[in-house]
């Protein structure tokens, strides 16, 4: 492991690094590699963990809920009682506040945003689309698909910096509490995408206590990685509804999660948790979209997992598969990049991503170099609103999908690209 910082190197030393790393990339470029680190997808071994779910409903008798409802037929708009109870127990919220809505939390978040645009939110407020130009706070680096929803609907995005505790709450308060055109904020409160940050109790409390200037402000609480710990001692996220009850702000919160990375992506269950007042406004609008969601799939999940502890035990099996991959990336970064002064990275206890910050002005160059030899990364800038990283530093690393041999090779190439791009930057400064 090199210990001399690039900033202390002579031009000759930097030139030598450029030559060495370019030679490596030339060799890799001749290997016709196709290595993909773009999206946080479960790999096949993870999907195999839930294969038993496919056979757990095998005949007519398995299709009846505890109330006697035939799940093959119409009925039940917002989730079977036993499905609601399962997620009530898992998330620590009342079952009556749980909605089980389809298979995609991203779909639910999009629908929730569109409902607010077309119909407003609970309280009789004007639809957002009739209130002129509206804005959303976007902690960054953050989840690119959140930003895509805003961009698609013409909602102005205001970035705020992420810290080790969560979003910069001074900035959040200054924006949300002074401008009534700001209608909400995106949050991934546990193992944030991409930084792996879990919001501190102080930050959760500040969200619950916040009195925004807009009375129809909503916190979009996307708890996608609620049970996705890599280690026995994972991060603990405070329950925002527990705090909100104290402040009387339950109506400000739209809470989302799913089993996309628990059971099957695209064939799992998506959950929304909301206050009674919010649900009263949402339910009749949903009733115009559908007569009911896939109740057989809901039964499948209840029969397979049985209870919240069943989900937690299942996630330990996921962790056993993912932990070596995350450790492979961290070990490689430590071995190849420590002491050089050209990169920093997160070491999350869970979630699906590692955030890599390279020398300012180098992320796009690293992305291009990696792509040129067959390693595809999430585009540089994607973790910021409008795809614009003002410092051009952040890269999101998704280690879950490749097998360990492919992952090791991809990270070795990535480290070489970082060294080359940063040496070029300093040599040409």
Protein backbone atom coordinates (compact mmCIF):
# COMPACT_ATOMS: atom_id res chain seq x y z
CA UNK A 1 0.00 0.00 0.00
CA UNK A 2 1.48 3.30 -1.11
CA UNK A 3 1.72 5.95 1.58
CA UNK A 4 2.87 9.00 -0.33
CA UNK A 5 0.09 11.42 -1.16
CA UNK A 6 -0.28 12.36 -4.81
CA UNK A 7 -0.14 16.04 -3.85
CA UNK A 8 3.42 15.49 -2.61
CA UNK A 9 4.62 13.76 -5.79
CA UNK A 10 6.79 15.30 -8.47
CA UNK A 11 5.61 15.58 -12.05
CA UNK A 12 7.91 12.70 -12.94
CA UNK A 13 6.32 10.48 -10.30
CA UNK A 14 2.83 11.41 -11.48
CA UNK A 15 3.81 10.70 -15.07
CA UNK A 16 5.08 7.28 -14.04
CA UNK A 17 1.78 6.48 -12.34
CA UNK A 18 -0.13 7.55 -15.44
CA UNK A 19 2.00 5.26 -17.60
CA UNK A 20 1.64 2.30 -15.23
CA UNK A 21 -2.10 2.60 -14.83
CA UNK A 22 -2.68 3.23 -18.53
CA UNK A 23 -0.79 0.04 -19.36
CA UNK A 24 -3.05 -1.88 -17.00
CA UNK A 25 -6.16 -0.39 -18.59
CA UNK A 26 -4.87 -1.24 -22.05
CA UNK A 27 -4.52 -4.89 -21.02
CA UNK A 28 -8.02 -4.95 -19.51
CA UNK A 29 -9.36 -3.22 -22.61
CA UNK A 30 -8.24 -6.17 -24.72
CA UNK A 31 -10.19 -8.65 -22.58
CA UNK A 32 -13.71 -7.69 -23.79
CA UNK A 33 -14.96 -7.36 -20.21
CA UNK A 34 -18.58 -6.63 -19.32
CA UNK A 35 -18.70 -5.88 -15.60
CA UNK A 36 -21.70 -4.02 -14.18
CA UNK A 37 -21.72 -2.07 -10.90
CA UNK A 38 -24.63 0.21 -11.80
CA UNK A 39 -27.70 -0.89 -9.85
CA UNK A 40 -28.34 -2.36 -6.43
CA UNK A 41 -29.82 -5.63 -7.62
CA UNK A 42 -29.91 -8.84 -5.58
CA UNK A 43 -27.92 -11.64 -7.18
CA UNK A 44 -29.25 -15.09 -8.00
CA UNK A 45 -28.15 -16.62 -4.70
CA UNK A 46 -30.21 -14.01 -2.86
CA UNK A 47 -33.25 -14.68 -5.03
CA UNK A 48 -32.88 -18.40 -4.36
CA UNK A 49 -33.45 -17.71 -0.66
CA UNK A 50 -37.11 -16.99 -1.41
CA UNK A 51 -37.74 -19.78 -3.92
CA UNK A 52 -39.91 -21.62 -1.39
CA UNK A 53 -42.40 -18.80 -1.65
CA UNK A 54 -43.22 -19.90 -5.21
CA UNK A 55 -44.62 -23.22 -3.99
CA UNK A 56 -46.21 -22.21 -0.69
CA UNK A 57 -49.61 -21.73 -2.31
CA UNK A 58 -50.30 -24.98 -4.11
CA UNK A 59 -54.05 -25.47 -4.11
CA UNK A 60 -57.43 -23.83 -3.54
CA UNK A 61 -57.26 -24.18 0.22
CA UNK A 62 -54.16 -21.96 0.45
CA UNK A 63 -55.99 -19.03 -1.14
CA UNK A 64 -58.25 -18.10 1.77
CA UNK A 65 -57.33 -15.42 4.27
CA UNK A 66 -57.89 -15.75 7.99
CA UNK A 67 -61.23 -13.96 7.55
CA UNK A 68 -62.36 -16.49 4.96
CA UNK A 69 -61.85 -14.16 1.97
CA UNK A 70 -61.02 -15.94 -1.29
CA UNK A 71 -57.82 -14.14 -2.37
CA UNK A 72 -58.37 -15.23 -5.96
CA UNK A 73 -61.31 -12.84 -6.25
CA UNK A 74 -61.99 -9.12 -5.98
CA UNK A 75 -62.01 -7.42 -2.60
CA UNK A 76 -59.80 -5.69 -0.01
CA UNK A 77 -58.37 -2.51 -1.45
CA UNK A 78 -55.50 -1.76 0.90
CA UNK A 79 -54.14 -5.08 2.14
CA UNK A 80 -55.17 -8.26 3.91
CA UNK A 81 -55.37 -7.88 7.70
CA UNK A 82 -52.67 -10.51 8.24
CA UNK A 83 -50.36 -8.74 5.76
CA UNK A 84 -50.90 -5.43 7.48
CA UNK A 85 -50.19 -7.09 10.81
CA UNK A 86 -46.92 -8.54 9.49
CA UNK A 87 -45.61 -5.12 8.50
CA UNK A 88 -47.09 -3.42 11.53
CA UNK A 89 -44.95 -5.70 13.67
CA UNK A 90 -41.88 -5.25 11.47
CA UNK A 91 -42.04 -1.45 11.29
CA UNK A 92 -43.47 -0.69 14.73
CA UNK A 93 -46.55 1.13 13.46
CA UNK A 94 -50.29 0.48 13.99
CA UNK A 95 -51.78 -1.97 11.50
CA UNK A 96 -54.58 0.47 10.68
CA UNK A 97 -51.98 2.89 9.33
CA UNK A 98 -50.48 0.34 6.93
CA UNK A 99 -51.46 0.15 3.25
CA UNK A 100 -50.27 -2.81 1.13
CA UNK A 101 -50.21 -1.48 -2.42
CA UNK A 102 -48.77 -3.53 -5.25
CA UNK A 103 -45.16 -4.59 -5.69
CA UNK A 104 -43.12 -1.40 -6.13
CA UNK A 105 -42.46 1.31 -3.56
CA UNK A 106 -41.12 3.52 -6.36
CA UNK A 107 -44.51 3.19 -8.06
CA UNK A 108 -46.25 4.12 -4.78
CA UNK A 109 -44.00 7.16 -4.35
CA UNK A 110 -44.67 8.28 -7.91
CA UNK A 111 -48.43 7.79 -7.43
CA UNK A 112 -48.30 9.68 -4.13
CA UNK A 113 -46.57 12.60 -5.79
CA UNK A 114 -49.02 12.60 -8.70
CA UNK A 115 -51.99 12.48 -6.30
CA UNK A 116 -50.64 15.55 -4.54
CA UNK A 117 -50.18 17.28 -7.89
CA UNK A 118 -53.72 16.47 -9.06
CA UNK A 119 -55.75 16.39 -5.84
CA UNK A 120 -53.62 18.02 -3.15
CA UNK A 121 -53.02 16.37 0.20
CA UNK A 122 -55.25 15.84 3.22
CA UNK A 123 -56.56 19.07 4.70
CA UNK A 124 -58.40 20.51 1.71
CA UNK A 125 -55.37 22.26 0.20
CA UNK A 126 -55.13 23.21 -3.46
CA UNK A 127 -53.49 20.62 -5.72
CA UNK A 128 -49.79 21.27 -5.98
CA UNK A 129 -50.10 21.69 -9.75
CA UNK A 130 -52.31 24.77 -9.21
CA UNK A 131 -49.94 26.51 -6.81
CA UNK A 132 -47.42 27.76 -9.33
CA UNK A 133 -43.85 26.55 -9.32
CA UNK A 134 -43.30 24.14 -6.43
CA UNK A 135 -40.07 22.83 -4.96
CA UNK A 136 -38.70 19.77 -3.20
CA UNK A 137 -35.68 19.43 -0.92
CA UNK A 138 -33.28 16.74 -2.13
CA UNK A 139 -30.50 15.59 0.21
CA UNK A 140 -27.45 14.87 -1.94
CA UNK A 141 -25.78 12.64 -2.76
CA UNK A 142 -29.09 10.81 -2.92
CA UNK A 143 -31.32 8.42 -4.85
CA UNK A 144 -31.43 9.20 -8.57
CA UNK A 145 -34.94 7.79 -9.04
CA UNK A 146 -36.35 10.21 -6.46
CA UNK A 147 -34.86 13.03 -8.48
CA UNK A 148 -36.28 11.57 -11.69
CA UNK A 149 -39.82 11.75 -10.26
CA UNK A 150 -39.41 15.46 -9.51
CA UNK A 151 -37.85 16.13 -12.87
CA UNK A 152 -40.63 14.28 -14.73
CA UNK A 153 -43.33 16.29 -12.94
CA UNK A 154 -41.57 19.65 -13.31
CA UNK A 155 -40.85 20.08 -9.59
CA UNK A 156 -37.83 22.24 -8.82
CA UNK A 157 -35.19 20.42 -6.78
CA UNK A 158 -33.17 22.10 -4.03
CA UNK A 159 -30.11 20.10 -2.97
CA UNK A 160 -28.96 20.03 0.64
CA UNK A 161 -25.80 18.38 1.86
CA UNK A 162 -25.78 15.00 3.56
CA UNK A 163 -23.80 14.73 6.79
CA UNK A 164 -22.79 11.74 8.91
CA UNK A 165 -26.10 12.13 10.83
CA UNK A 166 -28.39 12.68 7.84
CA UNK A 167 -29.34 15.81 5.90
CA UNK A 168 -27.98 19.16 7.03
CA UNK A 169 -30.99 20.04 9.18
CA UNK A 170 -30.07 23.71 9.53
CA UNK A 171 -30.31 23.99 5.75
CA UNK A 172 -33.52 21.92 5.69
CA UNK A 173 -35.16 24.16 8.29
CA UNK A 174 -34.01 27.36 6.59
CA UNK A 175 -35.56 26.23 3.30
CA UNK A 176 -38.71 24.44 4.48
CA UNK A 177 -39.68 26.90 7.18
CA UNK A 178 -39.28 30.05 5.09
CA UNK A 179 -40.72 29.19 1.66
CA UNK A 180 -44.33 27.94 1.27
CA UNK A 181 -43.59 26.81 -2.30
CA UNK A 182 -41.39 24.05 -0.83
CA UNK A 183 -43.77 21.09 -0.57
CA UNK A 184 -41.61 18.25 0.67
CA UNK A 185 -38.34 16.44 1.09
CA UNK A 186 -36.99 13.06 -0.01
CA UNK A 187 -35.46 10.91 2.73
CA UNK A 188 -33.78 7.49 2.77
CA UNK A 189 -33.39 7.40 6.55
CA UNK A 190 -31.58 4.09 7.05
CA UNK A 191 -28.47 3.14 5.07
CA UNK A 192 -29.09 6.04 2.70
CA UNK A 193 -28.56 5.64 -1.02
CA UNK A 194 -25.66 5.95 -1.75
CA UNK A 195 -23.82 6.98 1.41
CA UNK A 196 -25.10 4.32 3.81
CA UNK A 197 -25.93 6.95 6.45
CA UNK A 198 -28.56 6.21 9.09
CA UNK A 199 -30.28 9.31 10.43
CA UNK A 200 -29.45 10.04 14.05
CA UNK A 201 -32.16 10.30 16.71
CA UNK A 202 -31.59 14.06 16.72
CA UNK A 203 -32.26 14.31 13.00
CA UNK A 204 -35.39 12.12 13.22
CA UNK A 205 -36.64 14.29 16.08
CA UNK A 206 -36.01 17.46 14.06
CA UNK A 207 -37.98 16.08 11.13
CA UNK A 208 -40.91 15.26 13.39
CA UNK A 209 -40.75 18.65 15.10
CA UNK A 210 -40.47 20.69 11.91
CA UNK A 211 -43.16 23.29 11.22
CA UNK A 212 -42.81 24.02 7.51
CA UNK A 213 -44.04 27.23 5.92
CA UNK A 214 -46.29 25.19 3.62
CA UNK A 215 -49.17 23.58 5.56
CA UNK A 216 -49.30 20.88 2.85
CA UNK A 217 -45.62 19.95 3.22
CA UNK A 218 -44.87 16.22 3.23
CA UNK A 219 -41.82 14.18 4.25
CA UNK A 220 -41.35 11.29 1.80
CA UNK A 221 -39.73 8.76 4.18
CA UNK A 222 -38.39 6.02 1.90
CA UNK A 223 -37.20 3.41 4.40
CA UNK A 224 -36.08 0.99 1.67
CA UNK A 225 -33.38 -0.67 3.82
CA UNK A 226 -35.27 -1.01 7.10
CA UNK A 227 -34.02 -4.56 7.80
CA UNK A 228 -31.00 -4.71 5.51
CA UNK A 229 -28.21 -4.98 8.07
CA UNK A 230 -24.91 -6.57 7.06
CA UNK A 231 -23.84 -7.26 10.64
CA UNK A 232 -25.50 -8.48 13.81
CA UNK A 233 -25.08 -4.99 15.26
CA UNK A 234 -26.63 -2.89 12.55
CA UNK A 235 -27.66 0.74 12.75
CA UNK A 236 -30.81 1.57 14.70
CA UNK A 237 -33.25 4.06 13.19
CA UNK A 238 -35.66 5.86 15.48
CA UNK A 239 -39.35 5.51 14.64
CA UNK A 240 -40.37 8.87 13.21
CA UNK A 241 -44.03 8.28 14.07
CA UNK A 242 -43.16 7.91 17.76
CA UNK A 243 -41.67 11.40 17.66
CA UNK A 244 -44.44 12.80 15.46
CA UNK A 245 -47.14 11.78 17.95
CA UNK A 246 -45.46 14.02 20.53
CA UNK A 247 -45.47 16.99 18.16
CA UNK A 248 -48.82 16.29 16.49
CA UNK A 249 -47.19 16.15 13.05
CA UNK A 250 -48.22 12.66 11.89
CA UNK A 251 -49.97 14.12 8.84
CA UNK A 252 -46.62 15.46 7.55
CA UNK A 253 -45.23 11.97 6.92
CA UNK A 254 -45.60 9.60 3.99
CA UNK A 255 -43.65 6.42 4.88
CA UNK A 256 -42.68 3.84 2.23
CA UNK A 257 -40.94 0.48 2.18
CA UNK A 258 -41.05 -2.77 0.21
CA UNK A 259 -39.84 -6.36 0.09
CA UNK A 260 -38.04 -5.78 -3.21
CA UNK A 261 -34.69 -6.73 -1.66
CA UNK A 262 -36.24 -9.13 0.86
CA UNK A 263 -38.21 -11.49 -1.38
CA UNK A 264 -38.37 -10.82 -5.14
CA UNK A 265 -37.78 -7.46 -6.84
CA UNK A 266 -40.77 -6.81 -9.06
CA UNK A 267 -42.77 -9.58 -7.37
CA UNK A 268 -42.68 -8.45 -3.76
CA UNK A 269 -44.93 -6.19 -1.71
CA UNK A 270 -44.85 -2.41 -1.41
CA UNK A 271 -46.00 -0.72 1.77
CA UNK A 272 -47.16 2.79 2.61
CA UNK A 273 -47.68 3.99 6.17
CA UNK A 274 -49.65 7.16 6.79
CA UNK A 275 -51.83 8.91 9.36
CA UNK A 276 -55.57 8.27 9.55
CA UNK A 277 -56.25 11.65 7.98
CA UNK A 278 -53.91 10.98 5.07
CA UNK A 279 -55.35 7.49 4.50
CA UNK A 280 -58.89 8.87 4.51
CA UNK A 281 -57.90 11.17 1.64
CA UNK A 282 -55.83 8.59 -0.25
CA UNK A 283 -58.14 5.56 -0.14
CA UNK A 284 -60.94 6.82 -2.43
CA UNK A 285 -58.42 7.99 -5.01
CA UNK A 286 -56.76 4.57 -5.04
CA UNK A 287 -60.22 3.03 -5.43
CA UNK A 288 -60.49 4.69 -8.85
CA UNK A 289 -57.18 3.12 -9.92
CA UNK A 290 -57.77 -0.48 -8.89
CA UNK A 291 -60.33 -2.83 -7.41
CA UNK A 292 -57.56 -4.44 -5.39
CA UNK A 293 -53.92 -5.49 -5.46
CA UNK A 294 -52.48 -9.01 -5.68
CA UNK A 295 -53.81 -10.70 -2.55
CA UNK A 296 -52.40 -14.11 -3.49
CA UNK A 297 -48.94 -12.53 -3.38
CA UNK A 298 -49.78 -11.05 0.01
CA UNK A 299 -50.77 -14.50 1.26
CA UNK A 300 -47.56 -15.91 -0.19
CA UNK A 301 -45.49 -13.51 1.90
CA UNK A 302 -47.47 -14.09 5.08
CA UNK A 303 -47.27 -17.90 4.78
CA UNK A 304 -43.56 -17.83 3.91
CA UNK A 305 -42.33 -15.38 6.57
CA UNK A 306 -45.08 -16.01 9.18
CA UNK A 307 -44.09 -13.00 11.30
CA UNK A 308 -41.61 -10.14 11.63
CA UNK A 309 -39.00 -12.40 13.22
CA UNK A 310 -39.27 -14.62 10.16
CA UNK A 311 -38.30 -11.67 7.98
CA UNK A 312 -35.43 -10.75 10.29
CA UNK A 313 -34.04 -14.30 10.21
CA UNK A 314 -34.39 -14.34 6.43
CA UNK A 315 -32.39 -11.10 6.18
CA UNK A 316 -29.53 -12.70 8.10
CA UNK A 317 -29.21 -15.12 5.18
CA UNK A 318 -29.03 -12.15 2.80
CA UNK A 319 -26.38 -10.54 4.99
CA UNK A 320 -24.23 -13.66 4.90
CA UNK A 321 -24.18 -13.45 1.10
CA UNK A 322 -23.61 -9.69 0.87
CA UNK A 323 -21.16 -9.06 3.69
CA UNK A 324 -18.13 -10.60 1.88
CA UNK A 325 -18.84 -8.44 -1.16
CA UNK A 326 -18.93 -5.20 0.80
CA UNK A 327 -15.79 -6.22 2.65
CA UNK A 328 -14.10 -7.05 -0.66
CA UNK A 329 -14.72 -3.50 -1.90
CA UNK A 330 -13.63 -1.84 1.34
CA UNK A 331 -10.49 -4.01 1.55
CA UNK A 332 -9.59 -3.16 -2.05
CA UNK A 333 -10.09 0.57 -1.54
CA UNK A 334 -8.04 0.45 1.65
CA UNK A 335 -5.23 -1.49 0.02
CA UNK A 336 -5.10 0.46 -3.24
CA UNK A 337 -6.17 4.00 -2.36
CA UNK A 338 -5.38 4.69 1.31
CA UNK A 339 -2.73 7.28 1.98
CA UNK A 340 -2.83 8.73 -1.52
CA UNK A 341 -5.11 11.65 -0.70
CA UNK A 342 -7.23 11.05 -3.79
CA UNK A 343 -10.31 9.20 -2.50
CA UNK A 344 -12.59 8.64 0.48
CA UNK A 345 -15.33 6.07 0.85
CA UNK A 346 -18.07 4.98 3.19
CA UNK A 347 -18.07 1.72 5.14
CA UNK A 348 -21.79 1.12 5.76
CA UNK A 349 -23.22 -1.45 8.15
CA UNK A 350 -26.04 -2.24 5.75
CA UNK A 351 -27.97 -1.24 2.67
CA UNK A 352 -26.91 -1.78 -0.90
CA UNK A 353 -24.30 0.83 -1.78
CA UNK A 354 -20.87 2.24 -1.04
CA UNK A 355 -20.25 5.90 -1.80
CA UNK A 356 -16.84 6.74 -3.28
CA UNK A 357 -15.64 10.34 -3.39
CA UNK A 358 -12.62 10.93 -5.61
CA UNK A 359 -10.51 14.05 -6.06
CA UNK A 360 -12.61 17.05 -7.08
CA UNK A 361 -13.12 17.23 -10.82
CA UNK A 362 -12.31 13.55 -11.43
CA UNK A 363 -15.51 11.50 -11.08
CA UNK A 364 -16.61 11.85 -14.70
CA UNK A 365 -13.13 10.96 -15.91
CA UNK A 366 -13.09 7.85 -13.68
CA UNK A 367 -16.50 6.85 -15.05
CA UNK A 368 -15.27 7.27 -18.64
CA UNK A 369 -12.06 5.34 -18.06
CA UNK A 370 -13.90 2.45 -16.42
CA UNK A 371 -16.47 2.33 -19.20
CA UNK A 372 -13.73 2.26 -21.83
CA UNK A 373 -12.49 -1.09 -20.51
CA UNK A 374 -15.89 -2.71 -19.87
CA UNK A 375 -16.75 -1.68 -16.29
CA UNK A 376 -20.07 0.14 -16.12
CA UNK A 377 -20.72 2.40 -13.13
CA UNK A 378 -23.74 4.52 -12.27
CA UNK A 379 -23.13 7.72 -14.21
CA UNK A 380 -21.10 10.35 -12.40
CA UNK A 381 -23.48 13.05 -11.18
CA UNK A 382 -26.50 10.72 -11.00
CA UNK A 383 -26.62 11.01 -7.20
CA UNK A 384 -27.34 14.74 -7.44
CA UNK A 385 -30.42 16.63 -8.68
CA UNK A 386 -30.36 17.24 -12.43
CA UNK A 387 -27.34 14.91 -12.68
CA UNK A 388 -25.03 17.72 -11.65
CA UNK A 389 -22.44 17.01 -8.97
CA UNK A 390 -21.00 20.49 -8.34
CA UNK A 391 -17.63 19.10 -7.25
CA UNK A 392 -17.62 16.16 -9.72
CA UNK A 393 -16.46 13.81 -6.95
CA UNK A 394 -19.14 11.22 -6.18
CA UNK A 395 -19.49 7.71 -7.57
CA UNK A 396 -22.04 5.16 -6.35
CA UNK A 397 -20.73 1.60 -6.08
CA UNK A 398 -23.24 -1.27 -6.14
CA UNK A 399 -21.44 -4.49 -5.13
CA UNK A 400 -24.42 -6.83 -4.76
CA UNK A 401 -25.12 -8.24 -8.22
CA UNK A 402 -21.75 -9.48 -9.59
CA UNK A 403 -20.24 -12.71 -8.32
CA UNK A 404 -17.21 -12.25 -6.08
CA UNK A 405 -14.68 -12.95 -8.86
CA UNK A 406 -16.26 -10.34 -11.14
CA UNK A 407 -16.60 -7.88 -8.29
CA UNK A 408 -12.94 -8.21 -7.31
CA UNK A 409 -11.84 -7.59 -10.89
CA UNK A 410 -14.20 -4.64 -11.34
CA UNK A 411 -12.96 -2.94 -8.18
CA UNK A 412 -9.34 -3.53 -9.13
CA UNK A 413 -10.04 -1.78 -12.44
CA UNK A 414 -11.94 1.01 -10.69
CA UNK A 415 -9.00 1.69 -8.37
CA UNK A 416 -6.68 1.88 -11.35
CA UNK A 417 -9.04 4.35 -13.03
CA UNK A 418 -9.09 6.52 -9.88
CA UNK A 419 -5.30 6.57 -9.73
CA UNK A 420 -4.98 7.46 -13.39
CA UNK A 421 -7.65 10.17 -13.39
CA UNK A 422 -6.30 11.87 -10.26
CA UNK A 423 -2.68 11.74 -11.46
CA UNK A 424 -3.79 13.33 -14.75
CA UNK A 425 -5.63 16.05 -12.85
CA UNK A 426 -2.62 16.97 -10.71
CA UNK A 427 -0.13 16.73 -13.55
CA UNK A 428 -2.18 19.14 -15.65
CA UNK A 429 -2.99 21.53 -12.79
